[in-house]
Amino acid sequence: MQISEIRVDGYERVVRCTDPTSRLHALISVHDTTLGPSLGGMRMLSYRNEEEALFDVLRLSKGMTYKSAVADTGLGGGKSVVIGDPKLKSPALFEAMGRFVESLGGKYITAEDMNIGVGDLVTVRRTTKWVTGLARDMGGSGNPSPYTARGAFHGVRAVLEEAFGSPSFKGRRMLIQGVGAVGGRLAELLTEAGAHVIICDINEARVQELCERFGFEGVSDAKHLEVPCDVYSPCARGATINDATIPQLKCKAIAGVANNQLLEPRHGDALRQKGILYAPDYVINAGGIINVSFELLPGGYDEDKAVAKIDRIYDNLRRVFAIAREQRLSTHVAADRLAEQCIAAGRKAPIKA
């Protein structure tokens, strides 16, 4: 196994690992540990090359720093990517990945992300202790998806209050793009609260199944932007708010759990100019990271305390919207400023004995 440094301005540490025996090729990015050790998920994708993977891991790790800062998890931001076809997973590959994580000595703590499941993390856990999100019987907090959905639900309350003057879901048309584990559960919660929920997904069978079970309205994923709604909720792909889609939007607000929804920061400004309220993704989708952060506290995981903090995503978004209003900023800029204020305060805080 060969581990080498990649120097990147503004990042505490970025490292590469190659291991011919297990065929592991991976990157770990530690963006900032001012507020605590970096925690962020591991994803596995068939990147075209290392440059593309590096771009992804840098962007994601910085996002985790800001997400944890606003959510007050006591953690910093990091991320890891495994370069390769998820169909070619092996125990040897994830054991090697565990050794790679272990080499950072706890500065980076891993968790689930795209194409990485609990079973993979169990294998990673064989060679490092720096793993979160395992099953309850292994001392973890379990599947983070329901907690991400719960946090997003409370985030949508804040969005409705800001955009419509009332947090009530009654009669509101909510369009959810992507109804996997998080989006599907969010759709249930919104329906229970009285919203009219419209769903779409590239998996049409999944849409049909959920519509039959819960009474959602299903629409074509290819044409979902043609559907008028009060709140549009992207819960699958990133970068879907862009030059091509913004002119098509027929909503008053955007509140979804997909990561990196804005293709570029300027698209947040374009939403503001169009009068569309945007809930910054790393603020509204923080429920999962808040939940797993409680695994690291003295005494171990406490679900009641975790849920209470997840519900405060409502308050976090209200703070972002207030900053945006008072300083006449786009909401994504307001969220960044709030995160940077939290990090700056952490730098000034006295070191605990």
Protein backbone atom coordinates (compact mmCIF):
# COMPACT_ATOMS: atom_id res chain seq x y z
CA MET A 1 0.00 0.00 0.00
CA GLN A 2 1.32 3.43 -0.98
CA ILE A 3 -0.02 6.61 0.64
CA SER A 4 1.02 9.98 -0.76
CA GLU A 5 0.16 13.60 -0.05
CA ILE A 6 -1.67 15.93 -2.45
CA ARG A 7 -1.10 19.58 -1.57
CA VAL A 8 -4.24 21.70 -1.93
CA ASP A 9 -4.48 25.29 -0.69
CA GLY A 10 -7.17 25.76 1.94
CA TYR A 11 -7.31 22.09 2.95
CA GLU A 12 -5.59 20.64 6.00
CA ARG A 13 -4.71 17.35 4.38
CA VAL A 14 -5.50 15.51 1.15
CA VAL A 15 -4.09 12.02 0.66
CA ARG A 16 -4.04 9.37 -2.05
CA CYS A 17 -3.84 5.62 -1.52
CA THR A 18 -3.04 2.96 -4.12
CA ASP A 19 -2.83 -0.72 -3.27
CA PRO A 20 -2.18 -3.13 -6.16
CA THR A 21 -3.02 -6.20 -4.07
CA SER A 22 -6.58 -5.13 -3.26
CA ARG A 23 -6.91 -2.82 -6.30
CA LEU A 24 -7.77 0.08 -4.04
CA HIS A 25 -7.39 3.58 -5.48
CA ALA A 26 -8.86 6.13 -3.07
CA LEU A 27 -8.64 9.71 -1.85
CA ILE A 28 -9.34 11.22 1.56
CA SER A 29 -9.81 14.96 1.99
CA VAL A 30 -9.69 16.61 5.41
CA HIS A 31 -10.88 20.15 4.85
CA ASP A 32 -10.99 21.70 8.32
CA THR A 33 -10.81 20.34 11.89
CA THR A 34 -11.19 23.62 13.79
CA LEU A 35 -14.41 22.41 15.42
CA GLY A 36 -13.41 18.76 15.79
CA PRO A 37 -12.25 15.69 13.85
CA SER A 38 -13.50 15.56 10.29
CA LEU A 39 -16.46 13.30 9.60
CA GLY A 40 -17.90 12.58 6.17
CA GLY A 41 -19.13 9.67 4.14
CA MET A 42 -17.24 7.35 1.82
CA ARG A 43 -18.51 7.00 -1.73
CA MET A 44 -17.51 4.68 -4.56
CA LEU A 45 -17.89 5.73 -8.18
CA SER A 46 -16.44 4.93 -11.59
CA TYR A 47 -14.76 8.31 -11.97
CA ARG A 48 -13.26 8.92 -15.37
CA ASN A 49 -9.91 9.75 -13.79
CA GLU A 50 -8.30 10.83 -10.53
CA GLU A 51 -8.72 14.50 -11.40
CA GLU A 52 -12.51 14.11 -11.47
CA ALA A 53 -12.43 12.18 -8.18
CA LEU A 54 -10.26 14.86 -6.58
CA PHE A 55 -12.67 17.60 -7.63
CA ASP A 56 -15.52 15.64 -6.05
CA VAL A 57 -13.80 14.85 -2.76
CA LEU A 58 -12.59 18.44 -2.29
CA ARG A 59 -16.02 19.92 -2.96
CA LEU A 60 -17.75 17.41 -0.71
CA SER A 61 -15.32 17.72 2.21
CA LYS A 62 -15.64 21.51 2.27
CA GLY A 63 -19.40 21.09 2.24
CA MET A 64 -19.14 18.79 5.25
CA THR A 65 -17.17 21.43 7.16
CA TYR A 66 -19.93 23.97 6.60
CA LYS A 67 -22.70 21.43 7.27
CA SER A 68 -21.21 20.41 10.62
CA ALA A 69 -20.47 24.01 11.58
CA VAL A 70 -24.05 25.24 11.08
CA ALA A 71 -25.49 22.08 12.69
CA ASP A 72 -23.15 22.45 15.68
CA THR A 73 -22.05 18.81 15.63
CA GLY A 74 -18.65 19.48 17.19
CA LEU A 75 -17.01 18.04 14.08
CA GLY A 76 -15.02 19.20 11.10
CA GLY A 77 -15.39 18.32 7.44
CA GLY A 78 -13.90 15.45 5.51
CA LYS A 79 -14.79 12.98 2.78
CA SER A 80 -13.40 9.92 1.06
CA VAL A 81 -13.87 8.50 -2.42
CA VAL A 82 -13.04 5.08 -3.76
CA ILE A 83 -12.31 5.18 -7.48
CA GLY A 84 -13.81 2.15 -9.17
CA ASP A 85 -16.86 0.24 -10.31
CA PRO A 86 -19.11 -0.54 -7.30
CA LYS A 87 -19.81 -3.93 -8.91
CA LEU A 88 -16.18 -4.86 -8.23
CA LYS A 89 -16.32 -4.48 -4.45
CA SER A 90 -14.37 -6.99 -2.38
CA PRO A 91 -13.55 -7.58 1.31
CA ALA A 92 -9.87 -7.04 0.52
CA LEU A 93 -10.61 -3.62 -1.00
CA PHE A 94 -12.55 -2.41 2.05
CA GLU A 95 -10.05 -3.85 4.50
CA ALA A 96 -7.38 -1.86 2.65
CA MET A 97 -9.63 1.20 2.79
CA GLY A 98 -9.87 0.73 6.54
CA ARG A 99 -6.10 0.76 6.83
CA PHE A 100 -6.03 3.95 4.77
CA VAL A 101 -8.56 5.60 7.11
CA GLU A 102 -6.59 4.35 10.12
CA SER A 103 -3.41 5.95 8.78
CA LEU A 104 -4.90 9.40 9.53
CA GLY A 105 -5.06 8.56 13.23
CA GLY A 106 -8.65 9.67 13.83
CA LYS A 107 -8.39 12.97 11.99
CA TYR A 108 -10.92 11.54 9.51
CA ILE A 109 -13.98 9.47 10.52
CA THR A 110 -15.95 7.74 7.80
CA ALA A 111 -19.61 6.89 7.24
CA GLU A 112 -22.02 5.82 4.48
CA ASP A 113 -22.38 7.64 1.20
CA MET A 114 -23.11 6.84 -2.42
CA ASN A 115 -22.76 3.11 -3.26
CA ILE A 116 -21.44 2.32 0.22
CA GLY A 117 -23.66 0.37 2.59
CA VAL A 118 -23.48 -0.77 6.19
CA GLY A 119 -22.05 -4.12 5.07
CA ASP A 120 -19.12 -2.36 3.41
CA LEU A 121 -18.49 -0.29 6.53
CA VAL A 122 -18.53 -3.41 8.68
CA THR A 123 -15.62 -4.67 6.56
CA VAL A 124 -13.84 -1.31 6.84
CA ARG A 125 -14.31 -1.57 10.60
CA ARG A 126 -12.09 -4.69 10.68
CA THR A 127 -9.02 -2.51 10.13
CA THR A 128 -9.98 0.84 11.69
CA LYS A 129 -12.14 2.03 14.56
CA TRP A 130 -12.91 5.34 12.85
CA VAL A 131 -16.29 4.30 11.40
CA THR A 132 -19.79 5.60 12.21
CA GLY A 133 -23.30 4.65 11.10
CA LEU A 134 -23.09 0.95 11.88
CA ALA A 135 -26.05 -1.09 13.12
CA ARG A 136 -27.42 -0.54 16.62
CA ASP A 137 -26.22 -3.98 17.77
CA MET A 138 -22.69 -2.92 16.83
CA GLY A 139 -22.88 0.24 18.91
CA GLY A 140 -23.83 2.50 16.03
CA SER A 141 -26.89 4.63 15.34
CA GLY A 142 -28.21 2.62 12.40
CA ASN A 143 -29.48 3.80 9.03
CA PRO A 144 -29.17 7.62 8.83
CA SER A 145 -31.84 8.03 6.13
CA PRO A 146 -34.90 8.44 8.42
CA TYR A 147 -33.05 11.10 10.41
CA THR A 148 -32.08 13.00 7.27
CA ALA A 149 -35.74 12.91 6.18
CA ARG A 150 -36.91 14.10 9.60
CA GLY A 151 -34.51 17.03 9.54
CA ALA A 152 -35.60 17.97 6.03
CA PHE A 153 -39.25 17.89 7.11
CA HIS A 154 -38.56 20.47 9.81
CA GLY A 155 -36.48 22.44 7.33
CA VAL A 156 -39.45 22.60 4.96
CA ARG A 157 -41.50 24.08 7.82
CA ALA A 158 -39.02 26.95 7.98
CA VAL A 159 -39.17 27.34 4.21
CA LEU A 160 -42.97 27.52 4.20
CA GLU A 161 -42.93 30.12 6.97
CA GLU A 162 -40.42 32.27 5.10
CA ALA A 163 -41.98 31.92 1.65
CA PHE A 164 -45.68 31.89 2.52
CA GLY A 165 -45.91 33.39 6.00
CA SER A 166 -47.10 30.18 7.63
CA PRO A 167 -45.38 26.85 8.46
CA SER A 168 -48.58 24.92 7.71
CA PHE A 169 -48.36 22.10 5.17
CA LYS A 170 -52.12 21.99 4.58
CA GLY A 171 -52.86 22.05 0.86
CA ARG A 172 -49.29 22.85 -0.18
CA ARG A 173 -48.13 21.18 -3.39
CA MET A 174 -44.75 19.53 -2.81
CA LEU A 175 -42.83 18.07 -5.75
CA ILE A 176 -40.13 15.55 -4.79
CA GLN A 177 -37.57 14.46 -7.37
CA GLY A 178 -35.93 11.24 -6.19
CA VAL A 179 -37.79 8.93 -3.80
CA GLY A 180 -35.08 6.69 -2.45
CA ALA A 181 -34.62 6.03 1.26
CA VAL A 182 -34.63 9.73 2.19
CA GLY A 183 -36.93 11.22 -0.45
CA GLY A 184 -39.49 8.46 0.00
CA ARG A 185 -39.64 8.93 3.76
CA LEU A 186 -39.84 12.71 3.36
CA ALA A 187 -42.81 12.24 1.05
CA GLU A 188 -44.57 10.21 3.76
CA LEU A 189 -43.93 12.85 6.42
CA LEU A 190 -45.19 15.66 4.21
CA THR A 191 -48.36 13.73 3.34
CA GLU A 192 -49.03 12.99 7.01
CA ALA A 193 -48.76 16.73 7.67
CA GLY A 194 -51.42 17.53 5.08
CA ALA A 195 -49.42 18.38 1.96
CA HIS A 196 -50.30 17.24 -1.53
CA VAL A 197 -47.19 15.30 -2.56
CA ILE A 198 -46.12 14.75 -6.17
CA ILE A 199 -43.21 12.38 -6.78
CA CYS A 200 -40.91 11.35 -9.61
CA ASP A 201 -37.83 9.19 -9.98
CA ILE A 202 -35.81 7.57 -12.75
CA ASN A 203 -37.03 4.29 -11.19
CA GLU A 204 -40.63 4.33 -12.43
CA ALA A 205 -41.50 1.10 -10.61
CA ARG A 206 -40.54 2.74 -7.32
CA VAL A 207 -42.82 5.70 -8.08
CA GLN A 208 -45.73 3.40 -8.89
CA GLU A 209 -45.19 1.36 -5.72
CA LEU A 210 -45.16 4.43 -3.47
CA CYS A 211 -48.17 5.99 -5.17
CA GLU A 212 -50.17 2.82 -4.60
CA ARG A 213 -49.08 2.57 -0.94
CA PHE A 214 -49.39 6.19 0.12
CA GLY A 215 -51.61 7.93 -2.42
CA PHE A 216 -48.95 10.22 -3.85
CA GLU A 217 -49.38 11.72 -7.31
CA GLY A 218 -46.75 10.39 -9.72
CA VAL A 219 -45.28 12.27 -12.66
CA SER A 220 -42.67 11.57 -15.30
CA ASP A 221 -39.11 12.25 -14.15
CA ALA A 222 -38.23 13.57 -17.61
CA LYS A 223 -41.01 16.18 -17.48
CA HIS A 224 -41.27 16.90 -13.75
CA LEU A 225 -40.11 20.50 -14.07
CA GLU A 226 -43.28 21.25 -16.02
CA VAL A 227 -45.34 20.57 -12.89
CA PRO A 228 -46.42 23.69 -10.92
CA CYS A 229 -45.80 23.38 -7.17
CA ASP A 230 -45.25 25.43 -4.05
CA VAL A 231 -42.00 23.71 -3.05
CA TYR A 232 -39.65 21.73 -5.28
CA SER A 233 -37.54 19.17 -3.45
CA PRO A 234 -34.52 17.70 -5.31
CA CYS A 235 -33.63 14.53 -3.40
CA ALA A 236 -31.42 12.63 -5.84
CA ARG A 237 -28.90 14.09 -8.24
CA GLY A 238 -26.68 17.08 -7.54
CA ALA A 239 -26.13 20.10 -9.81
CA THR A 240 -29.75 20.05 -11.04
CA ILE A 241 -30.20 23.77 -10.38
CA ASN A 242 -28.46 25.25 -13.41
CA ASP A 243 -28.85 27.46 -16.47
CA ALA A 244 -31.05 24.91 -18.23
CA THR A 245 -33.43 24.15 -15.35
CA ILE A 246 -33.87 27.51 -13.60
CA PRO A 247 -36.02 29.02 -16.41
CA GLN A 248 -38.28 25.94 -16.19
CA LEU A 249 -38.93 26.10 -12.44
CA LYS A 250 -42.57 26.60 -11.46
CA CYS A 251 -42.18 26.88 -7.70
CA LYS A 252 -41.90 29.47 -4.95
CA ALA A 253 -39.18 27.63 -3.02
CA ILE A 254 -36.59 24.84 -3.28
CA ALA A 255 -36.00 22.55 -0.29
CA GLY A 256 -34.40 19.18 -0.97
CA VAL A 257 -31.78 16.83 0.46
CA ALA A 258 -29.59 16.27 -2.61
CA ASN A 259 -26.00 17.42 -2.09
CA ASN A 260 -24.57 20.28 -4.16
CA GLN A 261 -27.83 21.21 -5.84
CA LEU A 262 -26.44 24.41 -7.35
CA LEU A 263 -24.22 23.67 -10.34
CA GLU A 264 -22.35 26.91 -9.58
CA PRO A 265 -22.74 29.49 -6.78
CA ARG A 266 -24.11 32.02 -9.27
CA HIS A 267 -27.18 29.83 -9.67
CA GLY A 268 -28.14 30.68 -6.10
CA ASP A 269 -28.11 34.35 -7.14
CA ALA A 270 -30.24 33.49 -10.17
CA LEU A 271 -32.86 31.89 -7.90
CA ARG A 272 -32.99 35.01 -5.73
CA GLN A 273 -33.44 37.19 -8.80
CA LYS A 274 -36.31 34.97 -9.88
CA GLY A 275 -37.96 35.23 -6.46
CA ILE A 276 -37.42 31.59 -5.53
CA LEU A 277 -36.41 30.89 -1.93
CA TYR A 278 -33.57 28.34 -1.73
CA ALA A 279 -32.89 26.25 1.39
CA PRO A 280 -29.12 25.63 1.25
CA ASP A 281 -28.71 21.89 0.92
CA TYR A 282 -26.05 21.40 3.56
CA VAL A 283 -28.27 23.09 6.15
CA ILE A 284 -31.52 21.23 5.42
CA ASN A 285 -29.95 17.79 4.85
CA ALA A 286 -27.84 17.70 8.03
CA GLY A 287 -30.07 15.26 9.94
CA GLY A 288 -27.94 12.23 9.14
CA ILE A 289 -24.63 13.79 10.17
CA ILE A 290 -26.20 15.17 13.36
CA ASN A 291 -27.44 11.68 14.21
CA VAL A 292 -24.11 9.90 13.71
CA SER A 293 -22.27 12.65 15.56
CA PHE A 294 -23.94 11.48 18.75
CA GLU A 295 -22.12 8.15 18.44
CA LEU A 296 -18.90 9.99 19.28
CA LEU A 297 -20.08 11.61 22.52
CA PRO A 298 -19.11 10.28 25.97
CA GLY A 299 -21.60 7.59 26.96
CA GLY A 300 -22.42 6.67 23.39
CA TYR A 301 -25.44 7.22 21.15
CA ASP A 302 -28.60 8.77 22.62
CA GLU A 303 -31.47 8.85 20.12
CA ASP A 304 -33.67 11.25 22.09
CA LYS A 305 -30.92 13.87 22.27
CA ALA A 306 -30.03 13.33 18.61
CA VAL A 307 -33.62 13.81 17.46
CA ALA A 308 -34.01 16.97 19.53
CA LYS A 309 -31.00 18.46 17.78
CA ILE A 310 -32.15 17.29 14.34
CA ASP A 311 -35.45 19.09 14.87
CA ARG A 312 -33.49 22.33 15.35
CA ILE A 313 -32.70 22.34 11.63
CA TYR A 314 -35.84 24.50 11.52
CA ASP A 315 -34.08 27.09 13.68
CA ASN A 316 -30.85 26.85 11.66
CA LEU A 317 -32.68 27.66 8.45
CA ARG A 318 -34.55 30.52 10.11
CA ARG A 319 -31.13 31.98 11.04
CA VAL A 320 -29.94 31.64 7.44
CA PHE A 321 -33.06 33.33 6.07
CA ALA A 322 -32.74 36.16 8.60
CA ILE A 323 -29.14 36.83 7.56
CA ALA A 324 -30.17 36.78 3.89
CA ARG A 325 -32.97 39.27 4.53
CA GLU A 326 -31.02 41.62 6.76
CA GLN A 327 -27.89 41.69 4.59
CA ARG A 328 -29.70 41.40 1.25
CA LEU A 329 -27.87 38.24 0.28
CA SER A 330 -28.72 35.08 -1.57
CA THR A 331 -29.44 32.32 0.92
CA HIS A 332 -26.48 30.16 -0.14
CA VAL A 333 -24.16 33.09 0.63
CA ALA A 334 -25.92 33.66 3.96
CA ALA A 335 -25.42 29.99 4.90
CA ASP A 336 -21.72 30.18 4.06
CA ARG A 337 -21.35 33.30 6.20
CA LEU A 338 -23.08 31.61 9.12
CA ALA A 339 -20.80 28.56 8.78
CA GLU A 340 -17.70 30.75 8.57
CA GLN A 341 -18.80 32.65 11.68
CA CYS A 342 -19.14 29.35 13.57
CA ILE A 343 -15.67 28.24 12.45
CA ALA A 344 -14.12 31.60 13.35
CA ALA A 345 -15.69 31.42 16.81
CA GLY A 346 -14.20 27.96 17.19
CA ARG A 347 -10.74 29.29 16.40
CA LYS A 348 -11.09 31.96 19.10
CA ALA A 349 -12.49 29.59 21.74
CA PRO A 350 -10.12 28.77 24.62
CA ILE A 351 -8.47 25.37 24.41
CA LYS A 352 -10.07 22.96 26.89
CA ALA A 353 -7.72 21.46 29.45
